[in-house]
Amino acid sequence: MKTQEIYDTVAKHLLAQGKRATTGQTSSYGGDSCAYRGEGDTKCAAGCLIPDDLYKPDMEGDSVFHEDILTVMPTWFKENVNLIGALQNVHDNREPWEWRKALAYLARRYDLKAEALNG
């Protein structure tokens, strides 16, 4: 995948899903724990990029920057891990109603087109 394709895939996915992918369990900070694969077949920003054949439940709780994840992911994932981490941050730390604005900011920051936000 190319950088623009990663952004478009994640932006479309998050906006269509409209809610966080969570485990349904309370995290140490009091909210639901975010997950690569969550309840109700939801996926987070990075989770929607992880091919099903590479996903392992023990990835849960690890950052996209964690060696255990990076060693199994394709080259395009590793080369774009900073963008993927930023997209993950939008999913994990912004409310779904804030996602469009945060994604638009990332498009500007990474010099990408934000057309995926238009529906």
N, C-alpha and C. Protein backbone atom coordinates (compact mmCIF):
# COMPACT_ATOMS: atom_id res chain seq x y z
N MET A 1 0.84 -1.18 0.00
CA MET A 1 0.00 0.00 0.00
C MET A 1 0.88 1.25 0.00
N LYS A 2 0.42 2.25 -0.68
CA LYS A 2 1.10 3.53 -0.68
C LYS A 2 0.51 4.40 0.43
N THR A 3 1.22 5.44 0.79
CA THR A 3 0.83 6.30 1.91
C THR A 3 -0.59 6.84 1.74
N GLN A 4 -0.91 7.36 0.56
CA GLN A 4 -2.25 7.91 0.33
C GLN A 4 -3.31 6.82 0.48
N GLU A 5 -3.03 5.64 -0.01
CA GLU A 5 -3.97 4.53 0.10
C GLU A 5 -4.20 4.12 1.56
N ILE A 6 -3.15 4.15 2.35
CA ILE A 6 -3.28 3.86 3.79
C ILE A 6 -4.21 4.87 4.43
N TYR A 7 -3.95 6.14 4.18
CA TYR A 7 -4.78 7.20 4.75
C TYR A 7 -6.24 7.04 4.31
N ASP A 8 -6.46 6.84 3.02
CA ASP A 8 -7.82 6.71 2.49
C ASP A 8 -8.54 5.51 3.10
N THR A 9 -7.84 4.39 3.20
CA THR A 9 -8.43 3.17 3.76
C THR A 9 -8.87 3.39 5.20
N VAL A 10 -7.99 3.96 5.99
CA VAL A 10 -8.30 4.18 7.41
C VAL A 10 -9.39 5.23 7.58
N ALA A 11 -9.29 6.34 6.86
CA ALA A 11 -10.29 7.40 6.99
C ALA A 11 -11.68 6.88 6.64
N LYS A 12 -11.79 6.20 5.52
CA LYS A 12 -13.09 5.65 5.11
C LYS A 12 -13.60 4.64 6.13
N HIS A 13 -12.71 3.80 6.60
CA HIS A 13 -13.10 2.78 7.58
C HIS A 13 -13.63 3.41 8.87
N LEU A 14 -12.85 4.33 9.43
CA LEU A 14 -13.27 4.94 10.69
C LEU A 14 -14.58 5.70 10.56
N LEU A 15 -14.72 6.47 9.50
CA LEU A 15 -15.94 7.27 9.34
C LEU A 15 -17.14 6.37 9.08
N ALA A 16 -16.97 5.28 8.36
CA ALA A 16 -18.09 4.36 8.13
C ALA A 16 -18.45 3.60 9.40
N GLN A 17 -17.44 3.19 10.16
CA GLN A 17 -17.69 2.44 11.39
C GLN A 17 -18.32 3.34 12.45
N GLY A 18 -17.82 4.55 12.58
CA GLY A 18 -18.43 5.55 13.46
C GLY A 18 -18.31 5.31 14.95
N LYS A 19 -17.52 4.34 15.35
CA LYS A 19 -17.30 4.10 16.77
C LYS A 19 -15.96 3.41 16.95
N ARG A 20 -15.46 3.49 18.18
CA ARG A 20 -14.17 2.86 18.48
C ARG A 20 -14.30 1.34 18.50
N ALA A 21 -13.21 0.69 18.19
CA ALA A 21 -13.10 -0.75 18.39
C ALA A 21 -12.57 -0.94 19.81
N THR A 22 -13.36 -1.57 20.65
CA THR A 22 -12.96 -1.75 22.04
C THR A 22 -13.17 -3.19 22.48
N THR A 23 -12.50 -3.52 23.59
CA THR A 23 -12.59 -4.87 24.14
C THR A 23 -13.83 -5.06 25.00
N GLY A 24 -14.43 -3.95 25.42
CA GLY A 24 -15.55 -4.04 26.34
C GLY A 24 -15.09 -4.12 27.79
N GLN A 25 -13.78 -4.08 27.99
CA GLN A 25 -13.21 -4.11 29.34
C GLN A 25 -12.67 -2.74 29.69
N THR A 26 -12.77 -2.38 30.96
CA THR A 26 -12.28 -1.08 31.41
C THR A 26 -10.76 -1.09 31.47
N SER A 27 -10.16 -0.05 30.92
CA SER A 27 -8.70 0.07 30.96
C SER A 27 -8.27 0.74 32.26
N SER A 28 -6.98 0.88 32.43
CA SER A 28 -6.42 1.49 33.64
C SER A 28 -6.80 2.97 33.76
N TYR A 29 -7.13 3.62 32.64
CA TYR A 29 -7.51 5.03 32.72
C TYR A 29 -9.02 5.22 32.83
N GLY A 30 -9.77 4.14 32.91
CA GLY A 30 -11.19 4.22 33.18
C GLY A 30 -12.12 4.04 32.00
N GLY A 31 -11.63 4.19 30.77
CA GLY A 31 -12.47 4.01 29.60
C GLY A 31 -12.34 2.60 29.05
N ASP A 32 -13.11 2.31 28.01
CA ASP A 32 -12.97 1.02 27.35
C ASP A 32 -11.61 0.91 26.68
N SER A 33 -11.00 -0.26 26.76
CA SER A 33 -9.71 -0.49 26.12
C SER A 33 -9.90 -0.61 24.62
N CYS A 34 -9.13 0.17 23.87
CA CYS A 34 -9.18 0.08 22.42
C CYS A 34 -8.52 -1.22 21.97
N ALA A 35 -8.95 -1.70 20.79
CA ALA A 35 -8.48 -2.99 20.31
C ALA A 35 -8.28 -2.95 18.80
N TYR A 36 -7.33 -3.73 18.33
CA TYR A 36 -7.16 -3.89 16.88
C TYR A 36 -8.41 -4.54 16.30
N ARG A 37 -8.91 -5.54 17.00
CA ARG A 37 -10.17 -6.21 16.64
C ARG A 37 -11.06 -6.11 17.88
N GLY A 38 -12.17 -5.40 17.74
CA GLY A 38 -13.01 -5.16 18.90
C GLY A 38 -14.35 -5.87 18.82
N GLU A 39 -15.17 -5.57 19.80
CA GLU A 39 -16.51 -6.15 19.86
C GLU A 39 -17.31 -5.78 18.61
N GLY A 40 -18.18 -6.69 18.19
CA GLY A 40 -19.05 -6.41 17.06
C GLY A 40 -18.33 -6.29 15.74
N ASP A 41 -17.25 -7.01 15.57
CA ASP A 41 -16.47 -6.98 14.32
C ASP A 41 -15.90 -5.61 13.98
N THR A 42 -15.66 -4.79 15.00
CA THR A 42 -15.05 -3.49 14.77
C THR A 42 -13.54 -3.64 14.67
N LYS A 43 -12.92 -2.66 14.01
CA LYS A 43 -11.46 -2.62 13.88
C LYS A 43 -11.01 -1.19 14.11
N CYS A 44 -9.86 -1.05 14.71
CA CYS A 44 -9.32 0.29 14.92
C CYS A 44 -8.60 0.75 13.66
N ALA A 45 -7.97 1.92 13.75
CA ALA A 45 -7.29 2.50 12.59
C ALA A 45 -6.18 1.59 12.07
N ALA A 46 -5.40 1.02 12.95
CA ALA A 46 -4.35 0.10 12.51
C ALA A 46 -4.93 -1.28 12.23
N GLY A 47 -5.92 -1.67 13.01
CA GLY A 47 -6.52 -2.99 12.85
C GLY A 47 -7.11 -3.23 11.48
N CYS A 48 -7.64 -2.18 10.86
CA CYS A 48 -8.22 -2.35 9.52
C CYS A 48 -7.14 -2.53 8.46
N LEU A 49 -5.88 -2.28 8.83
CA LEU A 49 -4.76 -2.47 7.90
C LEU A 49 -4.05 -3.81 8.10
N ILE A 50 -4.32 -4.46 9.21
CA ILE A 50 -3.66 -5.73 9.51
C ILE A 50 -4.43 -6.85 8.82
N PRO A 51 -3.79 -7.52 7.87
CA PRO A 51 -4.48 -8.61 7.18
C PRO A 51 -4.90 -9.70 8.18
N ASP A 52 -6.05 -10.31 7.94
CA ASP A 52 -6.56 -11.32 8.86
C ASP A 52 -5.55 -12.44 9.10
N ASP A 53 -4.80 -12.82 8.07
CA ASP A 53 -3.85 -13.92 8.24
C ASP A 53 -2.63 -13.53 9.08
N LEU A 54 -2.41 -12.23 9.30
CA LEU A 54 -1.31 -11.78 10.15
C LEU A 54 -1.75 -11.39 11.55
N TYR A 55 -3.04 -11.18 11.73
CA TYR A 55 -3.56 -10.77 13.04
C TYR A 55 -3.49 -11.93 14.02
N LYS A 56 -3.01 -11.62 15.22
CA LYS A 56 -2.98 -12.58 16.32
C LYS A 56 -3.54 -11.88 17.56
N PRO A 57 -4.40 -12.54 18.32
CA PRO A 57 -4.96 -11.90 19.52
C PRO A 57 -3.92 -11.36 20.50
N ASP A 58 -2.72 -11.94 20.51
CA ASP A 58 -1.71 -11.43 21.45
C ASP A 58 -1.12 -10.09 21.02
N MET A 59 -1.53 -9.57 19.85
CA MET A 59 -1.13 -8.22 19.45
C MET A 59 -1.86 -7.17 20.29
N GLU A 60 -3.01 -7.55 20.80
CA GLU A 60 -3.82 -6.60 21.57
C GLU A 60 -3.00 -6.05 22.74
N GLY A 61 -3.08 -4.77 22.93
CA GLY A 61 -2.35 -4.10 24.01
C GLY A 61 -0.98 -3.58 23.58
N ASP A 62 -0.50 -4.04 22.41
CA ASP A 62 0.79 -3.55 21.90
C ASP A 62 0.57 -2.39 20.95
N SER A 63 1.50 -1.46 20.98
CA SER A 63 1.50 -0.32 20.06
C SER A 63 1.89 -0.79 18.67
N VAL A 64 1.51 -0.03 17.64
CA VAL A 64 1.94 -0.36 16.28
C VAL A 64 3.45 -0.26 16.15
N PHE A 65 4.10 0.39 17.09
CA PHE A 65 5.56 0.54 17.06
C PHE A 65 6.26 -0.64 17.74
N HIS A 66 5.49 -1.53 18.35
CA HIS A 66 6.06 -2.66 19.09
C HIS A 66 6.72 -3.64 18.12
N GLU A 67 7.89 -4.12 18.51
CA GLU A 67 8.66 -5.03 17.66
C GLU A 67 7.87 -6.28 17.27
N ASP A 68 7.06 -6.81 18.17
CA ASP A 68 6.28 -8.02 17.87
C ASP A 68 5.30 -7.79 16.73
N ILE A 69 4.82 -6.58 16.59
CA ILE A 69 3.91 -6.27 15.48
C ILE A 69 4.71 -5.95 14.22
N LEU A 70 5.70 -5.11 14.35
CA LEU A 70 6.47 -4.70 13.17
C LEU A 70 7.16 -5.87 12.47
N THR A 71 7.60 -6.86 13.21
CA THR A 71 8.32 -7.96 12.58
C THR A 71 7.44 -8.82 11.68
N VAL A 72 6.13 -8.81 11.90
CA VAL A 72 5.24 -9.65 11.08
C VAL A 72 4.51 -8.86 9.99
N MET A 73 4.60 -7.54 10.05
CA MET A 73 3.85 -6.73 9.11
C MET A 73 4.62 -6.53 7.80
N PRO A 74 3.87 -6.28 6.71
CA PRO A 74 4.51 -6.03 5.41
C PRO A 74 5.36 -4.75 5.43
N THR A 75 6.24 -4.63 4.47
CA THR A 75 7.14 -3.48 4.37
C THR A 75 6.38 -2.17 4.34
N TRP A 76 5.28 -2.10 3.57
CA TRP A 76 4.53 -0.84 3.47
C TRP A 76 4.05 -0.37 4.83
N PHE A 77 3.71 -1.30 5.72
CA PHE A 77 3.25 -0.95 7.07
C PHE A 77 4.41 -0.33 7.85
N LYS A 78 5.56 -0.99 7.82
CA LYS A 78 6.74 -0.51 8.54
C LYS A 78 7.17 0.87 8.03
N GLU A 79 7.13 1.06 6.71
CA GLU A 79 7.56 2.33 6.12
C GLU A 79 6.62 3.48 6.46
N ASN A 80 5.41 3.17 6.85
CA ASN A 80 4.40 4.20 7.15
C ASN A 80 3.93 4.15 8.61
N VAL A 81 4.75 3.56 9.48
CA VAL A 81 4.31 3.35 10.86
C VAL A 81 4.03 4.66 11.60
N ASN A 82 4.72 5.74 11.25
CA ASN A 82 4.44 7.02 11.92
C ASN A 82 3.05 7.52 11.57
N LEU A 83 2.67 7.44 10.31
CA LEU A 83 1.31 7.81 9.91
C LEU A 83 0.30 6.88 10.56
N ILE A 84 0.56 5.59 10.53
CA ILE A 84 -0.37 4.62 11.11
C ILE A 84 -0.52 4.87 12.60
N GLY A 85 0.57 5.19 13.27
CA GLY A 85 0.49 5.53 14.69
C GLY A 85 -0.33 6.78 14.93
N ALA A 86 -0.19 7.77 14.06
CA ALA A 86 -0.99 9.00 14.19
C ALA A 86 -2.47 8.72 13.95
N LEU A 87 -2.77 7.87 12.96
CA LEU A 87 -4.16 7.48 12.71
C LEU A 87 -4.72 6.70 13.90
N GLN A 88 -3.90 5.85 14.48
CA GLN A 88 -4.30 5.09 15.66
C GLN A 88 -4.61 6.03 16.81
N ASN A 89 -3.82 7.08 16.95
CA ASN A 89 -4.05 8.07 17.99
C ASN A 89 -5.41 8.75 17.82
N VAL A 90 -5.79 9.03 16.59
CA VAL A 90 -7.11 9.62 16.33
C VAL A 90 -8.20 8.67 16.84
N HIS A 91 -8.09 7.41 16.49
CA HIS A 91 -9.08 6.41 16.93
C HIS A 91 -9.13 6.29 18.45
N ASP A 92 -7.96 6.21 19.07
CA ASP A 92 -7.90 5.92 20.50
C ASP A 92 -8.19 7.12 21.39
N ASN A 93 -7.86 8.32 20.93
CA ASN A 93 -7.88 9.48 21.83
C ASN A 93 -8.82 10.61 21.44
N ARG A 94 -9.55 10.42 20.38
CA ARG A 94 -10.55 11.42 19.97
C ARG A 94 -11.92 10.75 19.98
N GLU A 95 -12.92 11.53 20.23
CA GLU A 95 -14.29 11.03 20.13
C GLU A 95 -14.64 10.86 18.65
N PRO A 96 -15.47 9.87 18.33
CA PRO A 96 -15.81 9.65 16.92
C PRO A 96 -16.32 10.90 16.20
N TRP A 97 -17.02 11.80 16.88
CA TRP A 97 -17.52 13.01 16.22
C TRP A 97 -16.38 13.97 15.89
N GLU A 98 -15.18 13.76 16.48
CA GLU A 98 -14.01 14.60 16.20
C GLU A 98 -13.12 14.02 15.11
N TRP A 99 -13.38 12.80 14.68
CA TRP A 99 -12.47 12.11 13.78
C TRP A 99 -12.27 12.84 12.46
N ARG A 100 -13.34 13.34 11.85
CA ARG A 100 -13.22 13.98 10.54
C ARG A 100 -12.24 15.16 10.60
N LYS A 101 -12.36 15.99 11.61
CA LYS A 101 -11.48 17.14 11.77
C LYS A 101 -10.04 16.68 12.03
N ALA A 102 -9.86 15.69 12.88
CA ALA A 102 -8.52 15.19 13.19
C ALA A 102 -7.89 14.52 11.97
N LEU A 103 -8.68 13.83 11.19
CA LEU A 103 -8.17 13.20 9.97
C LEU A 103 -7.79 14.25 8.93
N ALA A 104 -8.55 15.32 8.86
CA ALA A 104 -8.22 16.41 7.94
C ALA A 104 -6.88 17.04 8.33
N TYR A 105 -6.68 17.19 9.63
CA TYR A 105 -5.40 17.73 10.11
C TYR A 105 -4.24 16.81 9.69
N LEU A 106 -4.42 15.50 9.86
CA LEU A 106 -3.36 14.56 9.48
C LEU A 106 -3.08 14.60 7.98
N ALA A 107 -4.10 14.78 7.18
CA ALA A 107 -3.90 14.90 5.73
C ALA A 107 -2.98 16.08 5.44
N ARG A 108 -3.23 17.20 6.08
CA ARG A 108 -2.36 18.37 5.88
C ARG A 108 -0.95 18.10 6.40
N ARG A 109 -0.87 17.52 7.57
CA ARG A 109 0.43 17.26 8.21
C ARG A 109 1.30 16.32 7.36
N TYR A 110 0.69 15.34 6.74
CA TYR A 110 1.44 14.36 5.95
C TYR A 110 1.39 14.65 4.45
N ASP A 111 0.88 15.83 4.09
CA ASP A 111 0.80 16.26 2.70
C ASP A 111 0.04 15.24 1.83
N LEU A 112 -1.14 14.87 2.32
CA LEU A 112 -2.00 13.91 1.64
C LEU A 112 -3.31 14.59 1.23
N LYS A 113 -4.00 14.01 0.30
CA LYS A 113 -5.31 14.50 -0.11
C LYS A 113 -6.35 13.98 0.88
N ALA A 114 -7.31 14.81 1.23
CA ALA A 114 -8.33 14.45 2.20
C ALA A 114 -9.65 14.10 1.54
N GLU A 115 -9.64 13.73 0.28
CA GLU A 115 -10.87 13.43 -0.46
C GLU A 115 -11.66 12.29 0.17
N ALA A 116 -10.99 11.38 0.87
CA ALA A 116 -11.68 10.26 1.52
C ALA A 116 -12.66 10.73 2.58
N LEU A 117 -12.50 11.96 3.05
CA LEU A 117 -13.38 12.49 4.08
C LEU A 117 -14.72 12.97 3.51
N ASN A 118 -14.79 13.06 2.20
CA ASN A 118 -16.00 13.58 1.56
C ASN A 118 -17.08 12.54 1.35
N GLY A 119 -16.85 11.35 1.80
CA GLY A 119 -17.90 10.33 1.69
C GLY A 119 -17.56 9.33 0.72
